[in-house]
PDB file of all heavy atoms in Angstrom:
ATOM      1  N   GLY A   1      49.001 -78.833  -5.127  1.00  0.00           N
ATOM      2  CA  GLY A   1      47.897 -78.611  -4.200  1.00  0.00           C
ATOM      3  C   GLY A   1      48.234 -79.136  -2.802  1.00  0.00           C
ATOM      4  O   GLY A   1      49.141 -79.932  -2.649  1.00  0.00           O
ATOM      5  N   ILE A   2      47.488 -78.630  -1.803  1.00  0.00           N
ATOM      6  CA  ILE A   2      47.721 -79.012  -0.436  1.00  0.00           C
ATOM      7  C   ILE A   2      46.416 -78.962   0.353  1.00  0.00           C
ATOM      8  O   ILE A   2      45.588 -78.095   0.102  1.00  0.00           O
ATOM      9  CB  ILE A   2      48.788 -78.125   0.231  1.00  0.00           C
ATOM     10  CG1 ILE A   2      49.191 -78.675   1.595  1.00  0.00           C
ATOM     11  CG2 ILE A   2      48.339 -76.680   0.324  1.00  0.00           C
ATOM     12  CD1 ILE A   2      50.436 -77.993   2.163  1.00  0.00           C
ATOM     13  N   VAL A   3      46.246 -79.906   1.288  1.00  0.00           N
ATOM     14  CA  VAL A   3      45.137 -79.881   2.236  1.00  0.00           C
ATOM     15  C   VAL A   3      45.558 -78.996   3.367  1.00  0.00           C
ATOM     16  O   VAL A   3      46.559 -79.274   4.082  1.00  0.00           O
ATOM     17  CB  VAL A   3      44.778 -81.264   2.723  1.00  0.00           C
ATOM     18  CG1 VAL A   3      43.611 -81.192   3.743  1.00  0.00           C
ATOM     19  CG2 VAL A   3      44.357 -82.165   1.538  1.00  0.00           C
ATOM     20  N   TRP A   4      44.793 -77.915   3.665  1.00  0.00           N
ATOM     21  CA  TRP A   4      45.229 -76.957   4.660  1.00  0.00           C
ATOM     22  C   TRP A   4      45.352 -77.556   6.045  1.00  0.00           C
ATOM     23  O   TRP A   4      46.333 -77.308   6.765  1.00  0.00           O
ATOM     24  CB  TRP A   4      44.236 -75.771   4.686  1.00  0.00           C
ATOM     25  CG  TRP A   4      44.695 -74.672   5.638  1.00  0.00           C
ATOM     26  CD1 TRP A   4      44.339 -74.523   6.940  1.00  0.00           C
ATOM     27  CD2 TRP A   4      45.646 -73.671   5.375  1.00  0.00           C
ATOM     28  NE1 TRP A   4      44.967 -73.448   7.478  1.00  0.00           N
ATOM     29  CE2 TRP A   4      45.771 -72.894   6.526  1.00  0.00           C
ATOM     30  CE3 TRP A   4      46.358 -73.286   4.214  1.00  0.00           C
ATOM     31  CZ2 TRP A   4      46.611 -71.799   6.602  1.00  0.00           C
ATOM     32  CZ3 TRP A   4      47.188 -72.205   4.294  1.00  0.00           C
ATOM     33  CH2 TRP A   4      47.312 -71.481   5.470  1.00  0.00           C
ATOM     34  N   SER A   5      44.381 -78.343   6.470  1.00  0.00           N
ATOM     35  CA  SER A   5      44.373 -78.887   7.818  1.00  0.00           C
ATOM     36  C   SER A   5      45.377 -79.973   8.065  1.00  0.00           C
ATOM     37  O   SER A   5      45.649 -80.310   9.201  1.00  0.00           O
ATOM     38  CB  SER A   5      42.968 -79.342   8.175  1.00  0.00           C
ATOM     39  OG  SER A   5      42.545 -80.376   7.317  1.00  0.00           O
ATOM     40  N   GLY A   6      45.867 -80.548   7.029  1.00  0.00           N
ATOM     41  CA  GLY A   6      46.849 -81.626   7.121  1.00  0.00           C
ATOM     42  C   GLY A   6      48.085 -81.269   6.341  1.00  0.00           C
ATOM     43  O   GLY A   6      48.507 -80.108   6.241  1.00  0.00           O
ATOM     44  N   SER A   7      48.713 -82.285   5.808  1.00  0.00           N
ATOM     45  CA  SER A   7      49.957 -82.093   5.057  1.00  0.00           C
ATOM     46  C   SER A   7      49.975 -82.809   3.713  1.00  0.00           C
ATOM     47  O   SER A   7      50.999 -82.930   3.073  1.00  0.00           O
ATOM     48  CB  SER A   7      51.164 -82.531   5.891  1.00  0.00           C
ATOM     49  OG  SER A   7      51.054 -83.924   6.240  1.00  0.00           O
ATOM     50  N   SER A   8      48.804 -83.377   3.344  1.00  0.00           N
ATOM     51  CA  SER A   8      48.728 -84.069   2.040  1.00  0.00           C
ATOM     52  C   SER A   8      48.981 -83.084   0.906  1.00  0.00           C
ATOM     53  O   SER A   8      48.344 -82.016   0.873  1.00  0.00           O
ATOM     54  CB  SER A   8      47.384 -84.739   1.885  1.00  0.00           C
ATOM     55  OG  SER A   8      47.199 -85.748   2.893  1.00  0.00           O
ATOM     56  N   THR A   9      49.810 -83.521  -0.036  1.00  0.00           N
ATOM     57  CA  THR A   9      50.112 -82.636  -1.183  1.00  0.00           C
ATOM     58  C   THR A   9      50.022 -83.432  -2.480  1.00  0.00           C
ATOM     59  O   THR A   9      49.995 -84.671  -2.484  1.00  0.00           O
ATOM     60  CB  THR A   9      51.564 -82.081  -1.084  1.00  0.00           C
ATOM     61  OG1 THR A   9      52.479 -83.162  -0.991  1.00  0.00           O
ATOM     62  CG2 THR A   9      51.690 -81.168   0.129  1.00  0.00           C
ATOM     63  N   ASN A  10      49.894 -82.721  -3.567  1.00  0.00           N
ATOM     64  CA  ASN A  10      49.806 -83.310  -4.902  1.00  0.00           C
ATOM     65  C   ASN A  10      50.497 -82.395  -5.878  1.00  0.00           C
ATOM     66  O   ASN A  10      50.368 -81.176  -5.777  1.00  0.00           O
ATOM     67  CB  ASN A  10      48.314 -83.482  -5.289  1.00  0.00           C
ATOM     68  CG  ASN A  10      48.141 -84.330  -6.533  1.00  0.00           C
ATOM     69  OD1 ASN A  10      48.988 -85.165  -6.861  1.00  0.00           O
ATOM     70  ND2 ASN A  10      47.037 -84.131  -7.217  1.00  0.00           N
ATOM     71  N   TYR A  11      51.264 -83.003  -6.831  1.00  0.00           N
ATOM     72  CA  TYR A  11      52.042 -82.209  -7.758  1.00  0.00           C
ATOM     73  C   TYR A  11      51.859 -82.722  -9.203  1.00  0.00           C
ATOM     74  O   TYR A  11      51.721 -83.944  -9.387  1.00  0.00           O
ATOM     75  CB  TYR A  11      53.528 -82.301  -7.442  1.00  0.00           C
ATOM     76  CG  TYR A  11      53.936 -81.671  -6.144  1.00  0.00           C
ATOM     77  CD1 TYR A  11      53.987 -82.411  -4.991  1.00  0.00           C
ATOM     78  CD2 TYR A  11      54.238 -80.338  -6.067  1.00  0.00           C
ATOM     79  CE1 TYR A  11      54.375 -81.867  -3.779  1.00  0.00           C
ATOM     80  CE2 TYR A  11      54.651 -79.731  -4.839  1.00  0.00           C
ATOM     81  CZ  TYR A  11      54.681 -80.502  -3.687  1.00  0.00           C
ATOM     82  OH  TYR A  11      55.049 -79.929  -2.510  1.00  0.00           O
ATOM     83  N   ALA A  12      51.903 -81.809 -10.123  1.00  0.00           N
ATOM     84  CA  ALA A  12      51.994 -82.207 -11.508  1.00  0.00           C
ATOM     85  C   ALA A  12      53.325 -82.893 -11.762  1.00  0.00           C
ATOM     86  O   ALA A  12      54.344 -82.544 -11.142  1.00  0.00           O
ATOM     87  CB  ALA A  12      51.804 -80.984 -12.417  1.00  0.00           C
ATOM     88  N   ASP A  13      53.340 -83.853 -12.633  1.00  0.00           N
ATOM     89  CA  ASP A  13      54.571 -84.598 -12.970  1.00  0.00           C
ATOM     90  C   ASP A  13      55.709 -83.663 -13.421  1.00  0.00           C
ATOM     91  O   ASP A  13      56.857 -83.907 -13.156  1.00  0.00           O
ATOM     92  CB  ASP A  13      54.320 -85.657 -14.025  1.00  0.00           C
ATOM     93  CG  ASP A  13      53.495 -86.810 -13.486  1.00  0.00           C
ATOM     94  OD1 ASP A  13      53.430 -87.005 -12.263  1.00  0.00           O
ATOM     95  OD2 ASP A  13      52.925 -87.538 -14.318  1.00  0.00           O
ATOM     96  N   SER A  14      55.323 -82.630 -14.129  1.00  0.00           N
ATOM     97  CA  SER A  14      56.330 -81.730 -14.701  1.00  0.00           C
ATOM     98  C   SER A  14      57.074 -80.888 -13.661  1.00  0.00           C
ATOM     99  O   SER A  14      58.134 -80.325 -13.976  1.00  0.00           O
ATOM    100  CB  SER A  14      55.649 -80.760 -15.722  1.00  0.00           C
ATOM    101  OG  SER A  14      54.661 -80.010 -15.064  1.00  0.00           O
ATOM    102  N   VAL A  15      56.562 -80.819 -12.433  1.00  0.00           N
ATOM    103  CA  VAL A  15      57.225 -80.017 -11.409  1.00  0.00           C
ATOM    104  C   VAL A  15      57.682 -80.818 -10.203  1.00  0.00           C
ATOM    105  O   VAL A  15      58.318 -80.214  -9.289  1.00  0.00           O
ATOM    106  CB  VAL A  15      56.291 -78.856 -10.930  1.00  0.00           C
ATOM    107  CG1 VAL A  15      55.815 -78.038 -12.092  1.00  0.00           C
ATOM    108  CG2 VAL A  15      55.113 -79.390 -10.119  1.00  0.00           C
ATOM    109  N   LYS A  16      57.446 -82.092 -10.193  1.00  0.00           N
ATOM    110  CA  LYS A  16      57.858 -82.910  -9.031  1.00  0.00           C
ATOM    111  C   LYS A  16      59.388 -82.897  -8.891  1.00  0.00           C
ATOM    112  O   LYS A  16      60.096 -82.987  -9.864  1.00  0.00           O
ATOM    113  CB  LYS A  16      57.403 -84.379  -9.256  1.00  0.00           C
ATOM    114  CG  LYS A  16      55.924 -84.575  -9.032  1.00  0.00           C
ATOM    115  CD  LYS A  16      55.526 -86.065  -9.212  1.00  0.00           C
ATOM    116  CE  LYS A  16      54.053 -86.288  -8.961  1.00  0.00           C
ATOM    117  NZ  LYS A  16      53.672 -87.703  -9.169  1.00  0.00           N
ATOM    118  N   GLY A  17      59.809 -82.723  -7.665  1.00  0.00           N
ATOM    119  CA  GLY A  17      61.219 -82.622  -7.371  1.00  0.00           C
ATOM    120  C   GLY A  17      61.782 -81.237  -7.503  1.00  0.00           C
ATOM    121  O   GLY A  17      62.911 -80.987  -7.056  1.00  0.00           O
ATOM    122  N   ARG A  18      61.033 -80.280  -8.084  1.00  0.00           N
ATOM    123  CA  ARG A  18      61.488 -78.912  -8.254  1.00  0.00           C
ATOM    124  C   ARG A  18      60.656 -77.903  -7.466  1.00  0.00           C
ATOM    125  O   ARG A  18      61.182 -76.941  -6.957  1.00  0.00           O
ATOM    126  CB  ARG A  18      61.455 -78.557  -9.734  1.00  0.00           C
ATOM    127  CG  ARG A  18      62.378 -79.418 -10.618  1.00  0.00           C
ATOM    128  CD  ARG A  18      62.466 -78.838 -12.030  1.00  0.00           C
ATOM    129  NE  ARG A  18      61.167 -78.811 -12.716  1.00  0.00           N
ATOM    130  CZ  ARG A  18      60.610 -77.710 -13.174  1.00  0.00           C
ATOM    131  NH1 ARG A  18      61.216 -76.544 -13.047  1.00  0.00           N
ATOM    132  NH2 ARG A  18      59.436 -77.773 -13.835  1.00  0.00           N
ATOM    133  N   PHE A  19      59.363 -78.148  -7.407  1.00  0.00           N
ATOM    134  CA  PHE A  19      58.443 -77.203  -6.727  1.00  0.00           C
ATOM    135  C   PHE A  19      57.980 -77.803  -5.424  1.00  0.00           C
ATOM    136  O   PHE A  19      57.799 -79.037  -5.271  1.00  0.00           O
ATOM    137  CB  PHE A  19      57.193 -76.926  -7.596  1.00  0.00           C
ATOM    138  CG  PHE A  19      57.472 -76.123  -8.811  1.00  0.00           C
ATOM    139  CD1 PHE A  19      58.752 -75.852  -9.259  1.00  0.00           C
ATOM    140  CD2 PHE A  19      56.383 -75.634  -9.551  1.00  0.00           C
ATOM    141  CE1 PHE A  19      58.983 -75.087 -10.390  1.00  0.00           C
ATOM    142  CE2 PHE A  19      56.591 -74.910 -10.707  1.00  0.00           C
ATOM    143  CZ  PHE A  19      57.869 -74.636 -11.140  1.00  0.00           C
ATOM    144  N   THR A  20      57.721 -76.956  -4.406  1.00  0.00           N
ATOM    145  CA  THR A  20      57.217 -77.377  -3.123  1.00  0.00           C
ATOM    146  C   THR A  20      56.091 -76.438  -2.665  1.00  0.00           C
ATOM    147  O   THR A  20      56.294 -75.215  -2.617  1.00  0.00           O
ATOM    148  CB  THR A  20      58.298 -77.405  -2.055  1.00  0.00           C
ATOM    149  OG1 THR A  20      59.354 -78.259  -2.463  1.00  0.00           O
ATOM    150  CG2 THR A  20      57.749 -77.918  -0.733  1.00  0.00           C
ATOM    151  N   ILE A  21      54.925 -76.978  -2.363  1.00  0.00           N
ATOM    152  CA  ILE A  21      53.802 -76.211  -1.853  1.00  0.00           C
ATOM    153  C   ILE A  21      53.787 -76.356  -0.336  1.00  0.00           C
ATOM    154  O   ILE A  21      54.063 -77.418   0.201  1.00  0.00           O
ATOM    155  CB  ILE A  21      52.473 -76.649  -2.465  1.00  0.00           C
ATOM    156  CG1 ILE A  21      51.371 -75.675  -2.068  1.00  0.00           C
ATOM    157  CG2 ILE A  21      52.149 -78.060  -2.087  1.00  0.00           C
ATOM    158  CD1 ILE A  21      50.036 -75.935  -2.779  1.00  0.00           C
ATOM    159  N   SER A  22      53.494 -75.240   0.348  1.00  0.00           N
ATOM    160  CA  SER A  22      53.422 -75.255   1.812  1.00  0.00           C
ATOM    161  C   SER A  22      52.463 -74.161   2.307  1.00  0.00           C
ATOM    162  O   SER A  22      52.027 -73.347   1.489  1.00  0.00           O
ATOM    163  CB  SER A  22      54.831 -75.014   2.408  1.00  0.00           C
ATOM    164  OG  SER A  22      55.378 -73.817   2.080  1.00  0.00           O
ATOM    165  N   ARG A  23      52.140 -74.195   3.599  1.00  0.00           N
ATOM    166  CA  ARG A  23      51.309 -73.139   4.128  1.00  0.00           C
ATOM    167  C   ARG A  23      51.768 -72.744   5.493  1.00  0.00           C
ATOM    168  O   ARG A  23      52.382 -73.552   6.215  1.00  0.00           O
ATOM    169  CB  ARG A  23      49.834 -73.544   4.180  1.00  0.00           C
ATOM    170  CG  ARG A  23      49.433 -74.470   5.317  1.00  0.00           C
ATOM    171  CD  ARG A  23      49.730 -75.923   5.044  1.00  0.00           C
ATOM    172  NE  ARG A  23      49.065 -76.815   5.962  1.00  0.00           N
ATOM    173  CZ  ARG A  23      49.522 -77.226   7.129  1.00  0.00           C
ATOM    174  NH1 ARG A  23      50.728 -76.783   7.550  1.00  0.00           N
ATOM    175  NH2 ARG A  23      48.842 -78.054   7.889  1.00  0.00           N
ATOM    176  N   ASP A  24      51.521 -71.508   5.867  1.00  0.00           N
ATOM    177  CA  ASP A  24      51.884 -70.941   7.167  1.00  0.00           C
ATOM    178  C   ASP A  24      50.572 -70.517   7.839  1.00  0.00           C
ATOM    179  O   ASP A  24      49.915 -69.561   7.408  1.00  0.00           O
ATOM    180  CB  ASP A  24      52.789 -69.742   6.978  1.00  0.00           C
ATOM    181  CG  ASP A  24      53.362 -69.233   8.298  1.00  0.00           C
ATOM    182  OD1 ASP A  24      52.667 -69.282   9.302  1.00  0.00           O
ATOM    183  OD2 ASP A  24      54.501 -68.748   8.296  1.00  0.00           O
ATOM    184  N   ILE A  25      50.184 -71.264   8.902  1.00  0.00           N
ATOM    185  CA  ILE A  25      48.920 -70.971   9.538  1.00  0.00           C
ATOM    186  C   ILE A  25      48.924 -69.609  10.245  1.00  0.00           C
ATOM    187  O   ILE A  25      47.899 -68.954  10.364  1.00  0.00           O
ATOM    188  CB  ILE A  25      48.518 -72.080  10.535  1.00  0.00           C
ATOM    189  CG1 ILE A  25      49.616 -72.270  11.631  1.00  0.00           C
ATOM    190  CG2 ILE A  25      48.329 -73.381   9.775  1.00  0.00           C
ATOM    191  CD1 ILE A  25      49.215 -73.251  12.699  1.00  0.00           C
ATOM    192  N   ASP A  26      50.045 -69.176  10.765  1.00  0.00           N
ATOM    193  CA  ASP A  26      50.136 -67.901  11.442  1.00  0.00           C
ATOM    194  C   ASP A  26      49.948 -66.729  10.508  1.00  0.00           C
ATOM    195  O   ASP A  26      49.346 -65.727  10.872  1.00  0.00           O
ATOM    196  CB  ASP A  26      51.471 -67.760  12.174  1.00  0.00           C
ATOM    197  CG  ASP A  26      51.614 -68.748  13.319  1.00  0.00           C
ATOM    198  OD1 ASP A  26      50.583 -69.080  13.949  1.00  0.00           O
ATOM    199  OD2 ASP A  26      52.754 -69.159  13.622  1.00  0.00           O
ATOM    200  N   LYS A  27      50.452 -66.850   9.275  1.00  0.00           N
ATOM    201  CA  LYS A  27      50.358 -65.784   8.302  1.00  0.00           C
ATOM    202  C   LYS A  27      49.198 -65.953   7.349  1.00  0.00           C
ATOM    203  O   LYS A  27      48.979 -65.102   6.481  1.00  0.00           O
ATOM    204  CB  LYS A  27      51.657 -65.709   7.484  1.00  0.00           C
ATOM    205  CG  LYS A  27      52.854 -65.335   8.351  1.00  0.00           C
ATOM    206  CD  LYS A  27      54.132 -65.270   7.489  1.00  0.00           C
ATOM    207  CE  LYS A  27      55.305 -64.831   8.317  1.00  0.00           C
ATOM    208  NZ  LYS A  27      56.551 -64.714   7.480  1.00  0.00           N
ATOM    209  N   ASN A  28      48.462 -67.062   7.489  1.00  0.00           N
ATOM    210  CA  ASN A  28      47.316 -67.355   6.622  1.00  0.00           C
ATOM    211  C   ASN A  28      47.709 -67.274   5.147  1.00  0.00           C
ATOM    212  O   ASN A  28      47.043 -66.655   4.315  1.00  0.00           O
ATOM    213  CB  ASN A  28      46.136 -66.426   6.922  1.00  0.00           C
ATOM    214  CG  ASN A  28      44.822 -67.086   6.822  1.00  0.00           C
ATOM    215  OD1 ASN A  28      44.707 -68.286   7.115  1.00  0.00           O
ATOM    216  ND2 ASN A  28      43.770 -66.347   6.451  1.00  0.00           N
ATOM    217  N   THR A  29      48.795 -67.888   4.809  1.00  0.00           N
ATOM    218  CA  THR A  29      49.421 -67.797   3.515  1.00  0.00           C
ATOM    219  C   THR A  29      49.840 -69.141   2.995  1.00  0.00           C
ATOM    220  O   THR A  29      50.346 -69.998   3.707  1.00  0.00           O
ATOM    221  CB  THR A  29      50.637 -66.855   3.562  1.00  0.00           C
ATOM    222  OG1 THR A  29      50.202 -65.554   4.025  1.00  0.00           O
ATOM    223  CG2 THR A  29      51.269 -66.696   2.169  1.00  0.00           C
ATOM    224  N   VAL A  30      49.641 -69.360   1.675  1.00  0.00           N
ATOM    225  CA  VAL A  30      50.148 -70.535   0.981  1.00  0.00           C
ATOM    226  C   VAL A  30      51.322 -70.140   0.101  1.00  0.00           C
ATOM    227  O   VAL A  30      51.310 -69.029  -0.554  1.00  0.00           O
ATOM    228  CB  VAL A  30      49.038 -71.170   0.134  1.00  0.00           C
ATOM    229  CG1 VAL A  30      49.539 -72.390  -0.647  1.00  0.00           C
ATOM    230  CG2 VAL A  30      47.846 -71.543   0.986  1.00  0.00           C
ATOM    231  N   TYR A  31      52.327 -70.983   0.013  1.00  0.00           N
ATOM    232  CA  TYR A  31      53.524 -70.666  -0.735  1.00  0.00           C
ATOM    233  C   TYR A  31      53.744 -71.714  -1.842  1.00  0.00           C
ATOM    234  O   TYR A  31      53.328 -72.859  -1.703  1.00  0.00           O
ATOM    235  CB  TYR A  31      54.749 -70.666   0.156  1.00  0.00           C
ATOM    236  CG  TYR A  31      54.678 -69.662   1.271  1.00  0.00           C
ATOM    237  CD1 TYR A  31      54.308 -70.055   2.554  1.00  0.00           C
ATOM    238  CD2 TYR A  31      54.994 -68.324   1.062  1.00  0.00           C
ATOM    239  CE1 TYR A  31      54.228 -69.144   3.561  1.00  0.00           C
ATOM    240  CE2 TYR A  31      54.915 -67.414   2.065  1.00  0.00           C
ATOM    241  CZ  TYR A  31      54.540 -67.819   3.342  1.00  0.00           C
ATOM    242  OH  TYR A  31      54.482 -66.906   4.360  1.00  0.00           O
ATOM    243  N   LEU A  32      54.425 -71.308  -2.887  1.00  0.00           N
ATOM    244  CA  LEU A  32      54.929 -72.241  -3.895  1.00  0.00           C
ATOM    245  C   LEU A  32      56.416 -71.892  -4.106  1.00  0.00           C
ATOM    246  O   LEU A  32      56.736 -70.913  -4.715  1.00  0.00           O
ATOM    247  CB  LEU A  32      54.181 -72.110  -5.201  1.00  0.00           C
ATOM    248  CG  LEU A  32      54.563 -73.112  -6.302  1.00  0.00           C
ATOM    249  CD1 LEU A  32      54.176 -74.538  -5.850  1.00  0.00           C
ATOM    250  CD2 LEU A  32      53.924 -72.783  -7.611  1.00  0.00           C
ATOM    251  N   GLN A  33      57.283 -72.752  -3.581  1.00  0.00           N
ATOM    252  CA  GLN A  33      58.722 -72.609  -3.784  1.00  0.00           C
ATOM    253  C   GLN A  33      59.074 -73.281  -5.064  1.00  0.00           C
ATOM    254  O   GLN A  33      58.872 -74.488  -5.232  1.00  0.00           O
ATOM    255  CB  GLN A  33      59.489 -73.191  -2.626  1.00  0.00           C
ATOM    256  CG  GLN A  33      61.002 -73.142  -2.755  1.00  0.00           C
ATOM    257  CD  GLN A  33      61.520 -71.752  -2.684  1.00  0.00           C
ATOM    258  OE1 GLN A  33      61.136 -70.951  -1.814  1.00  0.00           O
ATOM    259  NE2 GLN A  33      62.409 -71.383  -3.626  1.00  0.00           N
ATOM    260  N   MET A  34      59.649 -72.543  -5.994  1.00  0.00           N
ATOM    261  CA  MET A  34      59.980 -73.027  -7.308  1.00  0.00           C
ATOM    262  C   MET A  34      61.470 -73.001  -7.496  1.00  0.00           C
ATOM    263  O   MET A  34      62.078 -71.895  -7.550  1.00  0.00           O
ATOM    264  CB  MET A  34      59.285 -72.213  -8.409  1.00  0.00           C
ATOM    265  CG  MET A  34      57.785 -72.145  -8.237  1.00  0.00           C
ATOM    266  SD  MET A  34      56.937 -71.339  -9.593  1.00  0.00           S
ATOM    267  CE  MET A  34      57.594 -69.649  -9.416  1.00  0.00           C
ATOM    268  N   ASN A  35      62.096 -74.155  -7.611  1.00  0.00           N
ATOM    269  CA  ASN A  35      63.534 -74.260  -7.855  1.00  0.00           C
ATOM    270  C   ASN A  35      63.802 -74.867  -9.196  1.00  0.00           C
ATOM    271  O   ASN A  35      62.948 -75.454  -9.843  1.00  0.00           O
ATOM    272  CB  ASN A  35      64.202 -75.134  -6.747  1.00  0.00           C
ATOM    273  CG  ASN A  35      64.002 -74.557  -5.387  1.00  0.00           C
ATOM    274  OD1 ASN A  35      64.038 -73.356  -5.163  1.00  0.00           O
ATOM    275  ND2 ASN A  35      63.922 -75.440  -4.367  1.00  0.00           N
ATOM    276  N   SER A  36      65.049 -74.711  -9.676  1.00  0.00           N
ATOM    277  CA  SER A  36      65.473 -75.244 -10.957  1.00  0.00           C
ATOM    278  C   SER A  36      64.545 -74.863 -12.064  1.00  0.00           C
ATOM    279  O   SER A  36      64.124 -75.709 -12.896  1.00  0.00           O
ATOM    280  CB  SER A  36      65.648 -76.780 -10.870  1.00  0.00           C
ATOM    281  OG  SER A  36      66.563 -77.111  -9.868  1.00  0.00           O
TER     282      SER A  36
END
């Protein structure tokens, strides 16, 4: 999860270090980058 107006994030323990949540204000889009 992520707070849109800021940068605070929260992750499940099972995905920490592998997944990254982010947002692009210009594209009005939230992303989930999933590695490993």
